[in-house]
């Protein structure tokens, strides 16, 4: 835990976030898994049809569903919940980043013909 706290400094913040284009590349290569940490009400209203759907408050009970051999990319509409989930998962020793731009940014990047950028 002490090592984790030492990494929570401004110069290391870039290592806690992954940008959308890099995420898409790693996801397409099978090197990362998206974890949508929104609550069920939100995922019913609009869906992301790939990745895992595990609300942030359920992460402690559902850790066994997360791959241990891939980068975990947590996402919510923007970044608040996903960054909190990232912090907790990092403390559990997962390799994890939050999605810069959030799910809203990802969906904006994949709208229309750009949807073909991601392999599902």
C-alpha atoms as a PDB file:
ATOM      1  CA  UNK A   1       0.000   0.000   0.000  1.00  0.00           C
ATOM      2  CA  UNK A   2       2.853   2.367   0.774  1.00  0.00           C
ATOM      3  CA  UNK A   3       4.199   1.983  -2.773  1.00  0.00           C
ATOM      4  CA  UNK A   4       0.702   2.680  -4.151  1.00  0.00           C
ATOM      5  CA  UNK A   5       0.425   5.927  -2.168  1.00  0.00           C
ATOM      6  CA  UNK A   6       3.859   7.055  -3.398  1.00  0.00           C
ATOM      7  CA  UNK A   7       2.565   6.814  -6.978  1.00  0.00           C
ATOM      8  CA  UNK A   8      -0.357   9.178  -6.351  1.00  0.00           C
ATOM      9  CA  UNK A   9       1.517  12.314  -7.384  1.00  0.00           C
ATOM     10  CA  UNK A  10       0.913  14.663 -10.337  1.00  0.00           C
ATOM     11  CA  UNK A  11       3.868  13.334 -12.360  1.00  0.00           C
ATOM     12  CA  UNK A  12       2.380   9.811 -12.255  1.00  0.00           C
ATOM     13  CA  UNK A  13      -1.218  10.804 -13.100  1.00  0.00           C
ATOM     14  CA  UNK A  14      -0.708  10.058 -16.802  1.00  0.00           C
ATOM     15  CA  UNK A  15      -0.045   6.430 -15.826  1.00  0.00           C
ATOM     16  CA  UNK A  16      -3.517   6.177 -14.268  1.00  0.00           C
ATOM     17  CA  UNK A  17      -5.434   7.093 -17.421  1.00  0.00           C
ATOM     18  CA  UNK A  18      -5.651   5.623 -20.907  1.00  0.00           C
ATOM     19  CA  UNK A  19      -6.830   7.679 -23.846  1.00  0.00           C
ATOM     20  CA  UNK A  20      -9.548   6.418 -26.187  1.00  0.00           C
ATOM     21  CA  UNK A  21      -7.372   5.665 -29.223  1.00  0.00           C
ATOM     22  CA  UNK A  22      -4.862   3.681 -27.150  1.00  0.00           C
ATOM     23  CA  UNK A  23      -7.707   1.820 -25.438  1.00  0.00           C
ATOM     24  CA  UNK A  24      -9.243   0.842 -28.802  1.00  0.00           C
ATOM     25  CA  UNK A  25      -5.872  -0.396 -30.047  1.00  0.00           C
ATOM     26  CA  UNK A  26      -5.193  -2.505 -26.930  1.00  0.00           C
ATOM     27  CA  UNK A  27      -8.776  -3.797 -26.816  1.00  0.00           C
ATOM     28  CA  UNK A  28      -8.590  -4.882 -30.458  1.00  0.00           C
ATOM     29  CA  UNK A  29      -5.315  -6.686 -29.689  1.00  0.00           C
ATOM     30  CA  UNK A  30      -6.910  -8.508 -26.732  1.00  0.00           C
ATOM     31  CA  UNK A  31      -4.582  -6.801 -24.254  1.00  0.00           C
ATOM     32  CA  UNK A  32      -7.184  -5.030 -22.117  1.00  0.00           C
ATOM     33  CA  UNK A  33     -10.739  -5.454 -20.861  1.00  0.00           C
ATOM     34  CA  UNK A  34     -13.295  -2.680 -20.485  1.00  0.00           C
ATOM     35  CA  UNK A  35     -15.184  -2.639 -17.189  1.00  0.00           C
ATOM     36  CA  UNK A  36     -18.282  -0.433 -17.232  1.00  0.00           C
ATOM     37  CA  UNK A  37     -18.770   0.630 -13.596  1.00  0.00           C
ATOM     38  CA  UNK A  38     -22.114   2.411 -14.069  1.00  0.00           C
ATOM     39  CA  UNK A  39     -25.180   1.401 -12.063  1.00  0.00           C
ATOM     40  CA  UNK A  40     -27.756  -0.902 -13.730  1.00  0.00           C
ATOM     41  CA  UNK A  41     -30.235   1.947 -14.325  1.00  0.00           C
ATOM     42  CA  UNK A  42     -27.632   3.726 -16.443  1.00  0.00           C
ATOM     43  CA  UNK A  43     -26.700   0.647 -18.458  1.00  0.00           C
ATOM     44  CA  UNK A  44     -30.389   0.000 -19.208  1.00  0.00           C
ATOM     45  CA  UNK A  45     -30.827   3.500 -20.623  1.00  0.00           C
ATOM     46  CA  UNK A  46     -27.838   3.258 -22.969  1.00  0.00           C
ATOM     47  CA  UNK A  47     -25.637   0.263 -23.504  1.00  0.00           C
ATOM     48  CA  UNK A  48     -22.091  -0.485 -24.440  1.00  0.00           C
ATOM     49  CA  UNK A  49     -22.290  -3.888 -26.083  1.00  0.00           C
ATOM     50  CA  UNK A  50     -18.794  -5.047 -25.209  1.00  0.00           C
ATOM     51  CA  UNK A  51     -16.766  -5.336 -22.035  1.00  0.00           C
ATOM     52  CA  UNK A  52     -17.868  -6.300 -18.538  1.00  0.00           C
ATOM     53  CA  UNK A  53     -20.670  -4.558 -16.679  1.00  0.00           C
ATOM     54  CA  UNK A  54     -19.791  -4.442 -12.982  1.00  0.00           C
ATOM     55  CA  UNK A  55     -21.163  -1.502 -10.985  1.00  0.00           C
ATOM     56  CA  UNK A  56     -18.439   0.115  -8.875  1.00  0.00           C
ATOM     57  CA  UNK A  57     -20.150  -0.828  -5.624  1.00  0.00           C
ATOM     58  CA  UNK A  58     -20.130  -4.522  -6.659  1.00  0.00           C
ATOM     59  CA  UNK A  59     -16.420  -4.711  -7.472  1.00  0.00           C
ATOM     60  CA  UNK A  60     -15.368  -6.177  -4.088  1.00  0.00           C
ATOM     61  CA  UNK A  61     -17.724  -9.146  -4.499  1.00  0.00           C
ATOM     62  CA  UNK A  62     -16.988  -9.679  -8.198  1.00  0.00           C
ATOM     63  CA  UNK A  63     -13.199  -9.458  -8.408  1.00  0.00           C
ATOM     64  CA  UNK A  64     -13.036 -13.040  -9.672  1.00  0.00           C
ATOM     65  CA  UNK A  65     -14.717 -11.881 -12.913  1.00  0.00           C
ATOM     66  CA  UNK A  66     -11.792  -9.614 -13.795  1.00  0.00           C
ATOM     67  CA  UNK A  67      -9.016 -11.043 -15.972  1.00  0.00           C
ATOM     68  CA  UNK A  68      -5.660 -11.103 -14.235  1.00  0.00           C
ATOM     69  CA  UNK A  69      -3.671 -11.282 -17.486  1.00  0.00           C
ATOM     70  CA  UNK A  70      -4.948  -8.056 -19.097  1.00  0.00           C
ATOM     71  CA  UNK A  71      -4.993  -4.360 -18.365  1.00  0.00           C
ATOM     72  CA  UNK A  72      -8.335  -3.452 -16.780  1.00  0.00           C
ATOM     73  CA  UNK A  73      -9.827  -0.225 -18.164  1.00  0.00           C
ATOM     74  CA  UNK A  74     -12.629   1.097 -15.971  1.00  0.00           C
ATOM     75  CA  UNK A  75     -15.133   3.522 -17.424  1.00  0.00           C
ATOM     76  CA  UNK A  76     -18.190   5.548 -16.484  1.00  0.00           C
ATOM     77  CA  UNK A  77     -19.845   8.420 -18.405  1.00  0.00           C
ATOM     78  CA  UNK A  78     -16.981  10.832 -17.674  1.00  0.00           C
ATOM     79  CA  UNK A  79     -14.254   9.875 -15.162  1.00  0.00           C
ATOM     80  CA  UNK A  80     -15.264  10.394 -11.529  1.00  0.00           C
ATOM     81  CA  UNK A  81     -16.499   6.905 -10.639  1.00  0.00           C
ATOM     82  CA  UNK A  82     -14.037   5.186 -12.908  1.00  0.00           C
ATOM     83  CA  UNK A  83     -11.084   6.938 -11.287  1.00  0.00           C
ATOM     84  CA  UNK A  84     -12.346   5.949  -7.830  1.00  0.00           C
ATOM     85  CA  UNK A  85     -12.787   2.360  -9.037  1.00  0.00           C
ATOM     86  CA  UNK A  86      -9.308   2.475 -10.583  1.00  0.00           C
ATOM     87  CA  UNK A  87      -7.815   3.597  -7.290  1.00  0.00           C
ATOM     88  CA  UNK A  88      -9.489   0.763  -5.391  1.00  0.00           C
ATOM     89  CA  UNK A  89      -8.563  -1.886  -7.976  1.00  0.00           C
ATOM     90  CA  UNK A  90      -4.952  -0.683  -8.032  1.00  0.00           C
ATOM     91  CA  UNK A  91      -4.859  -1.143  -4.254  1.00  0.00           C
ATOM     92  CA  UNK A  92      -6.013  -4.732  -4.895  1.00  0.00           C
ATOM     93  CA  UNK A  93      -2.971  -5.105  -7.169  1.00  0.00           C
ATOM     94  CA  UNK A  94      -4.729  -5.085 -10.537  1.00  0.00           C
ATOM     95  CA  UNK A  95      -3.090  -3.467 -13.533  1.00  0.00           C
ATOM     96  CA  UNK A  96      -5.763  -0.830 -14.117  1.00  0.00           C
ATOM     97  CA  UNK A  97      -6.378   2.541 -15.759  1.00  0.00           C
ATOM     98  CA  UNK A  98      -9.466   4.680 -16.187  1.00  0.00           C
ATOM     99  CA  UNK A  99     -10.724   5.701 -19.620  1.00  0.00           C
ATOM    100  CA  UNK A 100      -9.885   9.327 -20.368  1.00  0.00           C
ATOM    101  CA  UNK A 101     -12.970  10.948 -21.870  1.00  0.00           C
ATOM    102  CA  UNK A 102     -15.174   8.266 -20.328  1.00  0.00           C
ATOM    103  CA  UNK A 103     -17.838   6.264 -22.089  1.00  0.00           C
ATOM    104  CA  UNK A 104     -19.340   9.424 -23.553  1.00  0.00           C
ATOM    105  CA  UNK A 105     -16.034  10.198 -25.253  1.00  0.00           C
ATOM    106  CA  UNK A 106     -15.671   6.596 -26.410  1.00  0.00           C
ATOM    107  CA  UNK A 107     -19.159   6.556 -27.929  1.00  0.00           C
ATOM    108  CA  UNK A 108     -18.502   9.897 -29.614  1.00  0.00           C
ATOM    109  CA  UNK A 109     -15.327   8.434 -31.096  1.00  0.00           C
ATOM    110  CA  UNK A 110     -17.194   5.338 -32.335  1.00  0.00           C
ATOM    111  CA  UNK A 111     -20.298   6.992 -33.789  1.00  0.00           C
ATOM    112  CA  UNK A 112     -21.400   6.374 -37.342  1.00  0.00           C
ATOM    113  CA  UNK A 113     -18.916   4.663 -39.598  1.00  0.00           C
ATOM    114  CA  UNK A 114     -16.219   4.947 -36.938  1.00  0.00           C
ATOM    115  CA  UNK A 115     -17.869   2.055 -35.059  1.00  0.00           C
ATOM    116  CA  UNK A 116     -15.840  -0.286 -37.258  1.00  0.00           C
ATOM    117  CA  UNK A 117     -12.711   0.842 -35.362  1.00  0.00           C
ATOM    118  CA  UNK A 118     -13.474  -1.578 -32.499  1.00  0.00           C
ATOM    119  CA  UNK A 119     -13.617  -5.351 -32.817  1.00  0.00           C
ATOM    120  CA  UNK A 120     -16.632  -6.866 -31.100  1.00  0.00           C
END
